[in-house]
């Protein structure tokens, strides 16, 4: 069935699944999964163990998996993070789909979750195919405006080439950047994660495995959402 969504908003069940009465067990699951990951349990088995214990729905398990991390990961990610002031005059590289989809979700009322590493993540699932939504252009412009105001020198935005419609999105970003005289380059890569990890630029991403390996990264999504997206549905799971 083709994807005909016009927004990256909440799932129909999210209001029930992430209601206040559900949060204590979700936070407990995050804490226990993080404890297991700290002791080097594999994520798949550990998530099933914790999810079954707390009788979590699939989307609740997804949320738990996206915000939990080991103590080592939490500490190393916070140590390598740089603040917004470090972006002035800097060259940065953006994990394109990772950032844009999160901001699309924020603008369209999707559930957002804050993890142990202070990153804000969404629950969207985009694997082999991407479809622009009504908030796509607004998301790109908002990202660009925030970076322009931060005084970045240049931006390299990397999109996953294997994802369908990545070429169309790349061209859309190029046009929006050129119209506003932003010094952006937009590229497609079969393995963006490797490119992000190898880069000596400041990385913009909330992908945990990427953050575990980069030299410097900035938590742009969190800063942008907190300051520029009024009324975003944000749930703090940073237990």
Foldseek 3Di string as FASTA:
>chain_A
DDDPAQALEADPCVCVQPPPVNVVLLLVLLVQLQVVVQVVDDNVVSLVVSCVVSVHDPLSSLLSSLAHHYPVLLVLLLVQEDELLVQAAFEEEEAAVQQLSQLRHQQHQHEWEQHQNRAIGGSDDADQEDDHHPCRVVSLVLLQVSSVVSHHPAYEYEYEPRRPCPVVSQVVSVVVCVVVVGRYHYYYDNDVLVVLLPDPGAYEHSPSVSSSRHNHYYRVNSVSSVPPRPPGNYDYSND
